[in-house]
């Protein structure tokens, strides 16, 4: 069974050690990278791929899809959800 988007946000906070933010502060449309969002960087992107593989057994095989998949919290969640169903 797939987790909710709120549980997904909490997982990201825990796994990426984002101690300065809580799940209810993260909007679904928040960008993962850059200043206007979670502020993740390139090192975090590698960690994010590993988190998705470890927790959901979902691989993001095509690097050309990265920009679209990692656009926001919601796009990443929806991608994982689509791969699990």
PDB file of N, CA and C in Angstrom:
ATOM      1  N   UNK A   1       0.844  -1.188   0.000  1.00  0.00           N
ATOM      2  CA  UNK A   1       0.000   0.000   0.000  1.00  0.00           C
ATOM      3  C   UNK A   1       0.891   1.254   0.000  1.00  0.00           C
ATOM      4  N   UNK A   2       0.487   2.210  -0.780  1.00  0.00           N
ATOM      5  CA  UNK A   2       1.244   3.445  -0.908  1.00  0.00           C
ATOM      6  C   UNK A   2       0.918   4.384   0.242  1.00  0.00           C
ATOM      7  N   UNK A   3       1.905   5.122   0.692  1.00  0.00           N
ATOM      8  CA  UNK A   3       1.705   6.101   1.760  1.00  0.00           C
ATOM      9  C   UNK A   3       1.035   7.352   1.199  1.00  0.00           C
ATOM     10  N   UNK A   4       0.497   8.179   2.074  1.00  0.00           N
ATOM     11  CA  UNK A   4      -0.120   9.439   1.644  1.00  0.00           C
ATOM     12  C   UNK A   4       0.982  10.452   1.324  1.00  0.00           C
ATOM     13  N   UNK A   5       0.601  11.530   0.665  1.00  0.00           N
ATOM     14  CA  UNK A   5       1.592  12.555   0.340  1.00  0.00           C
ATOM     15  C   UNK A   5       2.139  13.206   1.614  1.00  0.00           C
ATOM     16  N   UNK A   6       1.316  13.306   2.653  1.00  0.00           N
ATOM     17  CA  UNK A   6       1.804  13.878   3.920  1.00  0.00           C
ATOM     18  C   UNK A   6       2.843  12.959   4.568  1.00  0.00           C
ATOM     19  N   UNK A   7       2.613  11.655   4.511  1.00  0.00           N
ATOM     20  CA  UNK A   7       3.589  10.694   5.032  1.00  0.00           C
ATOM     21  C   UNK A   7       4.869  10.731   4.194  1.00  0.00           C
ATOM     22  N   UNK A   8       4.707  10.952   2.890  1.00  0.00           N
ATOM     23  CA  UNK A   8       5.838  11.069   1.976  1.00  0.00           C
ATOM     24  C   UNK A   8       6.705  12.271   2.359  1.00  0.00           C
ATOM     25  N   UNK A   9       6.062  13.392   2.663  1.00  0.00           N
ATOM     26  CA  UNK A   9       6.779  14.598   3.083  1.00  0.00           C
ATOM     27  C   UNK A   9       7.569  14.328   4.357  1.00  0.00           C
ATOM     28  N   UNK A  10       6.933  13.651   5.314  1.00  0.00           N
ATOM     29  CA  UNK A  10       7.604  13.323   6.581  1.00  0.00           C
ATOM     30  C   UNK A  10       8.801  12.409   6.336  1.00  0.00           C
ATOM     31  N   UNK A  11       8.665  11.474   5.407  1.00  0.00           N
ATOM     32  CA  UNK A  11       9.769  10.585   5.054  1.00  0.00           C
ATOM     33  C   UNK A  11      10.937  11.386   4.476  1.00  0.00           C
ATOM     34  N   UNK A  12      10.632  12.333   3.589  1.00  0.00           N
ATOM     35  CA  UNK A  12      11.681  13.176   3.000  1.00  0.00           C
ATOM     36  C   UNK A  12      12.397  13.974   4.085  1.00  0.00           C
ATOM     37  N   UNK A  13      11.642  14.536   5.007  1.00  0.00           N
ATOM     38  CA  UNK A  13      12.232  15.324   6.097  1.00  0.00           C
ATOM     39  C   UNK A  13      13.179  14.453   6.916  1.00  0.00           C
ATOM     40  N   UNK A  14      12.717  13.270   7.269  1.00  0.00           N
ATOM     41  CA  UNK A  14      13.517  12.365   8.107  1.00  0.00           C
ATOM     42  C   UNK A  14      14.765  11.890   7.363  1.00  0.00           C
ATOM     43  N   UNK A  15      14.581  11.396   6.144  1.00  0.00           N
ATOM     44  CA  UNK A  15      15.685  10.806   5.393  1.00  0.00           C
ATOM     45  C   UNK A  15      16.719  11.834   4.937  1.00  0.00           C
ATOM     46  N   UNK A  16      16.260  13.043   4.613  1.00  0.00           N
ATOM     47  CA  UNK A  16      17.179  14.092   4.155  1.00  0.00           C
ATOM     48  C   UNK A  16      17.662  14.977   5.307  1.00  0.00           C
ATOM     49  N   UNK A  17      17.197  14.649   6.511  1.00  0.00           N
ATOM     50  CA  UNK A  17      17.592  15.387   7.714  1.00  0.00           C
ATOM     51  C   UNK A  17      17.301  16.884   7.584  1.00  0.00           C
ATOM     52  N   UNK A  18      16.071  17.195   7.166  1.00  0.00           N
ATOM     53  CA  UNK A  18      15.628  18.580   7.015  1.00  0.00           C
ATOM     54  C   UNK A  18      15.018  19.032   8.341  1.00  0.00           C
ATOM     55  N   UNK A  19      15.854  19.349   9.288  1.00  0.00           N
ATOM     56  CA  UNK A  19      15.407  19.615  10.648  1.00  0.00           C
ATOM     57  C   UNK A  19      14.717  20.966  10.824  1.00  0.00           C
ATOM     58  N   UNK A  20      14.886  21.873   9.882  1.00  0.00           N
ATOM     59  CA  UNK A  20      14.336  23.218  10.027  1.00  0.00           C
ATOM     60  C   UNK A  20      12.925  23.361   9.475  1.00  0.00           C
ATOM     61  N   UNK A  21      12.305  22.254   9.064  1.00  0.00           N
ATOM     62  CA  UNK A  21      10.991  22.334   8.425  1.00  0.00           C
ATOM     63  C   UNK A  21      10.129  21.169   8.891  1.00  0.00           C
ATOM     64  N   UNK A  22       8.820  21.398   8.924  1.00  0.00           N
ATOM     65  CA  UNK A  22       7.894  20.321   9.276  1.00  0.00           C
ATOM     66  C   UNK A  22       7.045  19.979   8.051  1.00  0.00           C
ATOM     67  N   UNK A  23       6.431  18.823   8.100  1.00  0.00           N
ATOM     68  CA  UNK A  23       5.645  18.346   6.964  1.00  0.00           C
ATOM     69  C   UNK A  23       4.517  19.282   6.570  1.00  0.00           C
ATOM     70  N   UNK A  24       3.874  19.905   7.559  1.00  0.00           N
ATOM     71  CA  UNK A  24       2.768  20.789   7.216  1.00  0.00           C
ATOM     72  C   UNK A  24       3.233  22.134   6.661  1.00  0.00           C
ATOM     73  N   UNK A  25       4.520  22.412   6.711  1.00  0.00           N
ATOM     74  CA  UNK A  25       5.065  23.623   6.088  1.00  0.00           C
ATOM     75  C   UNK A  25       5.368  23.396   4.599  1.00  0.00           C
ATOM     76  N   UNK A  26       5.435  22.138   4.200  1.00  0.00           N
ATOM     77  CA  UNK A  26       5.751  21.812   2.810  1.00  0.00           C
ATOM     78  C   UNK A  26       4.452  21.726   2.012  1.00  0.00           C
ATOM     79  N   UNK A  27       4.373  22.531   0.969  1.00  0.00           N
ATOM     80  CA  UNK A  27       3.218  22.477   0.062  1.00  0.00           C
ATOM     81  C   UNK A  27       3.496  21.425  -1.013  1.00  0.00           C
ATOM     82  N   UNK A  28       2.433  20.816  -1.507  1.00  0.00           N
ATOM     83  CA  UNK A  28       2.583  19.778  -2.532  1.00  0.00           C
ATOM     84  C   UNK A  28       3.364  20.284  -3.739  1.00  0.00           C
ATOM     85  N   UNK A  29       3.140  21.549  -4.100  1.00  0.00           N
ATOM     86  CA  UNK A  29       3.759  22.112  -5.295  1.00  0.00           C
ATOM     87  C   UNK A  29       5.149  22.695  -5.044  1.00  0.00           C
ATOM     88  N   UNK A  30       5.644  22.632  -3.808  1.00  0.00           N
ATOM     89  CA  UNK A  30       6.976  23.167  -3.523  1.00  0.00           C
ATOM     90  C   UNK A  30       8.033  22.473  -4.373  1.00  0.00           C
ATOM     91  N   UNK A  31       8.919  23.284  -4.900  1.00  0.00           N
ATOM     92  CA  UNK A  31      10.039  22.745  -5.678  1.00  0.00           C
ATOM     93  C   UNK A  31      10.998  22.038  -4.735  1.00  0.00           C
ATOM     94  N   UNK A  32      11.609  20.984  -5.233  1.00  0.00           N
ATOM     95  CA  UNK A  32      12.574  20.247  -4.422  1.00  0.00           C
ATOM     96  C   UNK A  32      13.920  20.964  -4.384  1.00  0.00           C
ATOM     97  N   UNK A  33      14.300  21.572  -5.517  1.00  0.00           N
ATOM     98  CA  UNK A  33      15.629  22.177  -5.651  1.00  0.00           C
ATOM     99  C   UNK A  33      15.522  23.680  -5.826  1.00  0.00           C
ATOM    100  N   UNK A  34      16.555  24.387  -5.410  1.00  0.00           N
ATOM    101  CA  UNK A  34      16.592  25.833  -5.557  1.00  0.00           C
ATOM    102  C   UNK A  34      16.058  26.538  -4.330  1.00  0.00           C
ATOM    103  N   UNK A  35      16.059  27.857  -4.403  1.00  0.00           N
ATOM    104  CA  UNK A  35      15.709  28.686  -3.252  1.00  0.00           C
ATOM    105  C   UNK A  35      14.227  28.666  -2.907  1.00  0.00           C
ATOM    106  N   UNK A  36      13.365  28.604  -3.899  1.00  0.00           N
ATOM    107  CA  UNK A  36      11.916  28.658  -3.654  1.00  0.00           C
ATOM    108  C   UNK A  36      11.347  27.258  -3.480  1.00  0.00           C
ATOM    109  N   UNK A  37      11.636  26.659  -2.370  1.00  0.00           N
ATOM    110  CA  UNK A  37      11.156  25.308  -2.104  1.00  0.00           C
ATOM    111  C   UNK A  37      11.954  24.697  -0.985  1.00  0.00           C
ATOM    112  N   UNK A  38      12.293  23.431  -1.131  1.00  0.00           N
ATOM    113  CA  UNK A  38      13.040  22.748  -0.084  1.00  0.00           C
ATOM    114  C   UNK A  38      14.520  23.095  -0.089  1.00  0.00           C
ATOM    115  N   UNK A  39      15.015  23.642  -1.193  1.00  0.00           N
ATOM    116  CA  UNK A  39      16.404  24.079  -1.245  1.00  0.00           C
ATOM    117  C   UNK A  39      17.414  22.947  -1.339  1.00  0.00           C
ATOM    118  N   UNK A  40      17.004  21.822  -1.902  1.00  0.00           N
ATOM    119  CA  UNK A  40      17.928  20.703  -2.052  1.00  0.00           C
ATOM    120  C   UNK A  40      18.989  21.029  -3.094  1.00  0.00           C
ATOM    121  N   UNK A  41      20.131  20.326  -3.010  1.00  0.00           N
ATOM    122  CA  UNK A  41      21.208  20.535  -3.985  1.00  0.00           C
ATOM    123  C   UNK A  41      21.527  19.215  -4.697  1.00  0.00           C
ATOM    124  N   UNK A  42      22.596  19.218  -5.499  1.00  0.00           N
ATOM    125  CA  UNK A  42      22.926  18.048  -6.313  1.00  0.00           C
ATOM    126  C   UNK A  42      23.267  16.819  -5.469  1.00  0.00           C
ATOM    127  N   UNK A  43      23.897  17.029  -4.319  1.00  0.00           N
ATOM    128  CA  UNK A  43      24.192  15.902  -3.427  1.00  0.00           C
ATOM    129  C   UNK A  43      22.883  15.314  -2.902  1.00  0.00           C
ATOM    130  N   UNK A  44      21.937  16.190  -2.568  1.00  0.00           N
ATOM    131  CA  UNK A  44      20.628  15.733  -2.109  1.00  0.00           C
ATOM    132  C   UNK A  44      19.906  14.929  -3.191  1.00  0.00           C
ATOM    133  N   UNK A  45      20.115  15.279  -4.461  1.00  0.00           N
ATOM    134  CA  UNK A  45      19.440  14.563  -5.541  1.00  0.00           C
ATOM    135  C   UNK A  45      19.865  13.098  -5.577  1.00  0.00           C
ATOM    136  N   UNK A  46      21.141  12.854  -5.347  1.00  0.00           N
ATOM    137  CA  UNK A  46      21.633  11.473  -5.303  1.00  0.00           C
ATOM    138  C   UNK A  46      21.000  10.748  -4.117  1.00  0.00           C
ATOM    139  N   UNK A  47      20.983  11.411  -2.985  1.00  0.00           N
ATOM    140  CA  UNK A  47      20.370  10.842  -1.783  1.00  0.00           C
ATOM    141  C   UNK A  47      18.887  10.543  -2.015  1.00  0.00           C
ATOM    142  N   UNK A  48      18.210  11.455  -2.704  1.00  0.00           N
ATOM    143  CA  UNK A  48      16.787  11.292  -2.987  1.00  0.00           C
ATOM    144  C   UNK A  48      16.522  10.049  -3.826  1.00  0.00           C
ATOM    145  N   UNK A  49      17.339   9.825  -4.842  1.00  0.00           N
ATOM    146  CA  UNK A  49      17.206   8.623  -5.678  1.00  0.00           C
ATOM    147  C   UNK A  49      17.372   7.376  -4.814  1.00  0.00           C
ATOM    148  N   UNK A  50      18.354   7.384  -3.933  1.00  0.00           N
ATOM    149  CA  UNK A  50      18.585   6.233  -3.047  1.00  0.00           C
ATOM    150  C   UNK A  50      17.427   6.032  -2.072  1.00  0.00           C
ATOM    151  N   UNK A  51      16.873   7.108  -1.560  1.00  0.00           N
ATOM    152  CA  UNK A  51      15.729   7.034  -0.645  1.00  0.00           C
ATOM    153  C   UNK A  51      14.534   6.385  -1.337  1.00  0.00           C
ATOM    154  N   UNK A  52      14.271   6.799  -2.566  1.00  0.00           N
ATOM    155  CA  UNK A  52      13.139   6.256  -3.324  1.00  0.00           C
ATOM    156  C   UNK A  52      13.355   4.770  -3.599  1.00  0.00           C
ATOM    157  N   UNK A  53      14.574   4.409  -3.985  1.00  0.00           N
ATOM    158  CA  UNK A  53      14.874   3.000  -4.250  1.00  0.00           C
ATOM    159  C   UNK A  53      14.747   2.163  -2.981  1.00  0.00           C
ATOM    160  N   UNK A  54      15.282   2.664  -1.877  1.00  0.00           N
ATOM    161  CA  UNK A  54      15.285   1.911  -0.618  1.00  0.00           C
ATOM    162  C   UNK A  54      13.876   1.747  -0.051  1.00  0.00           C
ATOM    163  N   UNK A  55      13.119   2.816  -0.012  1.00  0.00           N
ATOM    164  CA  UNK A  55      11.816   2.792   0.644  1.00  0.00           C
ATOM    165  C   UNK A  55      10.678   2.272  -0.220  1.00  0.00           C
ATOM    166  N   UNK A  56      10.794   2.432  -1.535  1.00  0.00           N
ATOM    167  CA  UNK A  56       9.678   2.070  -2.408  1.00  0.00           C
ATOM    168  C   UNK A  56      10.044   1.054  -3.485  1.00  0.00           C
ATOM    169  N   UNK A  57      11.322   0.688  -3.553  1.00  0.00           N
ATOM    170  CA  UNK A  57      11.794  -0.254  -4.584  1.00  0.00           C
ATOM    171  C   UNK A  57      11.464   0.252  -5.984  1.00  0.00           C
ATOM    172  N   UNK A  58      11.572   1.574  -6.163  1.00  0.00           N
ATOM    173  CA  UNK A  58      11.307   2.213  -7.443  1.00  0.00           C
ATOM    174  C   UNK A  58      12.614   2.801  -7.953  1.00  0.00           C
ATOM    175  N   UNK A  59      12.965   2.434  -9.186  1.00  0.00           N
ATOM    176  CA  UNK A  59      14.158   2.986  -9.822  1.00  0.00           C
ATOM    177  C   UNK A  59      13.743   4.072 -10.810  1.00  0.00           C
ATOM    178  N   UNK A  60      14.540   5.113 -10.859  1.00  0.00           N
ATOM    179  CA  UNK A  60      14.326   6.173 -11.847  1.00  0.00           C
ATOM    180  C   UNK A  60      15.425   5.983 -12.882  1.00  0.00           C
ATOM    181  N   UNK A  61      15.081   5.199 -13.900  1.00  0.00           N
ATOM    182  CA  UNK A  61      16.086   4.694 -14.822  1.00  0.00           C
ATOM    183  C   UNK A  61      16.561   5.725 -15.846  1.00  0.00           C
ATOM    184  N   UNK A  62      15.682   6.575 -16.296  1.00  0.00           N
ATOM    185  CA  UNK A  62      16.019   7.480 -17.388  1.00  0.00           C
ATOM    186  C   UNK A  62      16.354   8.879 -16.859  1.00  0.00           C
ATOM    187  N   UNK A  63      17.643   9.261 -16.880  1.00  0.00           N
ATOM    188  CA  UNK A  63      18.029  10.586 -16.382  1.00  0.00           C
ATOM    189  C   UNK A  63      17.316  11.732 -17.104  1.00  0.00           C
ATOM    190  N   UNK A  64      16.836  11.492 -18.321  1.00  0.00           N
ATOM    191  CA  UNK A  64      16.114  12.536 -19.051  1.00  0.00           C
ATOM    192  C   UNK A  64      14.804  12.889 -18.359  1.00  0.00           C
ATOM    193  N   UNK A  65      14.297  11.985 -17.520  1.00  0.00           N
ATOM    194  CA  UNK A  65      13.044  12.220 -16.805  1.00  0.00           C
ATOM    195  C   UNK A  65      13.254  12.974 -15.498  1.00  0.00           C
ATOM    196  N   UNK A  66      14.483  13.102 -15.062  1.00  0.00           N
ATOM    197  CA  UNK A  66      14.766  13.672 -13.737  1.00  0.00           C
ATOM    198  C   UNK A  66      14.134  15.041 -13.533  1.00  0.00           C
ATOM    199  N   UNK A  67      14.297  15.935 -14.505  1.00  0.00           N
ATOM    200  CA  UNK A  67      13.800  17.302 -14.340  1.00  0.00           C
ATOM    201  C   UNK A  67      12.293  17.307 -14.098  1.00  0.00           C
ATOM    202  N   UNK A  68      11.575  16.478 -14.846  1.00  0.00           N
ATOM    203  CA  UNK A  68      10.121  16.393 -14.710  1.00  0.00           C
ATOM    204  C   UNK A  68       9.726  15.716 -13.388  1.00  0.00           C
ATOM    205  N   UNK A  69      10.358  14.606 -13.082  1.00  0.00           N
ATOM    206  CA  UNK A  69      10.019  13.836 -11.879  1.00  0.00           C
ATOM    207  C   UNK A  69      10.350  14.617 -10.616  1.00  0.00           C
ATOM    208  N   UNK A  70      11.494  15.283 -10.607  1.00  0.00           N
ATOM    209  CA  UNK A  70      11.952  16.001  -9.427  1.00  0.00           C
ATOM    210  C   UNK A  70      11.541  17.475  -9.412  1.00  0.00           C
ATOM    211  N   UNK A  71      10.550  17.836 -10.206  1.00  0.00           N
ATOM    212  CA  UNK A  71      10.115  19.236 -10.273  1.00  0.00           C
ATOM    213  C   UNK A  71       9.542  19.721  -8.941  1.00  0.00           C
ATOM    214  N   UNK A  72       8.770  18.872  -8.280  1.00  0.00           N
ATOM    215  CA  UNK A  72       8.142  19.274  -7.015  1.00  0.00           C
ATOM    216  C   UNK A  72       7.919  18.051  -6.139  1.00  0.00           C
ATOM    217  N   UNK A  73       7.516  18.308  -4.929  1.00  0.00           N
ATOM    218  CA  UNK A  73       7.186  17.217  -4.008  1.00  0.00           C
ATOM    219  C   UNK A  73       6.094  16.350  -4.640  1.00  0.00           C
ATOM    220  N   UNK A  74       5.082  17.001  -5.195  1.00  0.00           N
ATOM    221  CA  UNK A  74       3.944  16.275  -5.773  1.00  0.00           C
ATOM    222  C   UNK A  74       4.354  15.445  -6.990  1.00  0.00           C
ATOM    223  N   UNK A  75       5.185  15.994  -7.882  1.00  0.00           N
ATOM    224  CA  UNK A  75       5.560  15.228  -9.075  1.00  0.00           C
ATOM    225  C   UNK A  75       6.374  13.996  -8.699  1.00  0.00           C
ATOM    226  N   UNK A  76       7.228  14.117  -7.695  1.00  0.00           N
ATOM    227  CA  UNK A  76       7.997  12.958  -7.240  1.00  0.00           C
ATOM    228  C   UNK A  76       7.073  11.933  -6.603  1.00  0.00           C
ATOM    229  N   UNK A  77       6.170  12.397  -5.751  1.00  0.00           N
ATOM    230  CA  UNK A  77       5.206  11.500  -5.113  1.00  0.00           C
ATOM    231  C   UNK A  77       4.358  10.780  -6.156  1.00  0.00           C
ATOM    232  N   UNK A  78       3.839  11.522  -7.132  1.00  0.00           N
ATOM    233  CA  UNK A  78       2.988  10.930  -8.172  1.00  0.00           C
ATOM    234  C   UNK A  78       3.764   9.910  -9.011  1.00  0.00           C
ATOM    235  N   UNK A  79       5.024  10.196  -9.286  1.00  0.00           N
ATOM    236  CA  UNK A  79       5.841   9.242 -10.036  1.00  0.00           C
ATOM    237  C   UNK A  79       5.994   7.941  -9.253  1.00  0.00           C
ATOM    238  N   UNK A  80       6.358   8.054  -7.987  1.00  0.00           N
ATOM    239  CA  UNK A  80       6.526   6.857  -7.154  1.00  0.00           C
ATOM    240  C   UNK A  80       5.211   6.086  -7.082  1.00  0.00           C
ATOM    241  N   UNK A  81       4.125   6.803  -6.862  1.00  0.00           N
ATOM    242  CA  UNK A  81       2.807   6.174  -6.774  1.00  0.00           C
ATOM    243  C   UNK A  81       2.457   5.441  -8.075  1.00  0.00           C
ATOM    244  N   UNK A  82       2.762   6.057  -9.213  1.00  0.00           N
ATOM    245  CA  UNK A  82       2.447   5.431 -10.503  1.00  0.00           C
ATOM    246  C   UNK A  82       3.272   4.163 -10.735  1.00  0.00           C
ATOM    247  N   UNK A  83       4.473   4.128 -10.192  1.00  0.00           N
ATOM    248  CA  UNK A  83       5.329   2.965 -10.361  1.00  0.00           C
ATOM    249  C   UNK A  83       4.937   1.823  -9.430  1.00  0.00           C
ATOM    250  N   UNK A  84       4.245   2.150  -8.354  1.00  0.00           N
ATOM    251  CA  UNK A  84       3.842   1.145  -7.374  1.00  0.00           C
ATOM    252  C   UNK A  84       2.492   0.521  -7.681  1.00  0.00           C
ATOM    253  N   UNK A  85       1.699   1.148  -8.572  1.00  0.00           N
ATOM    254  CA  UNK A  85       0.364   0.603  -8.839  1.00  0.00           C
ATOM    255  C   UNK A  85       0.318  -0.252 -10.073  1.00  0.00           C
TER     256      UNK A  85
END
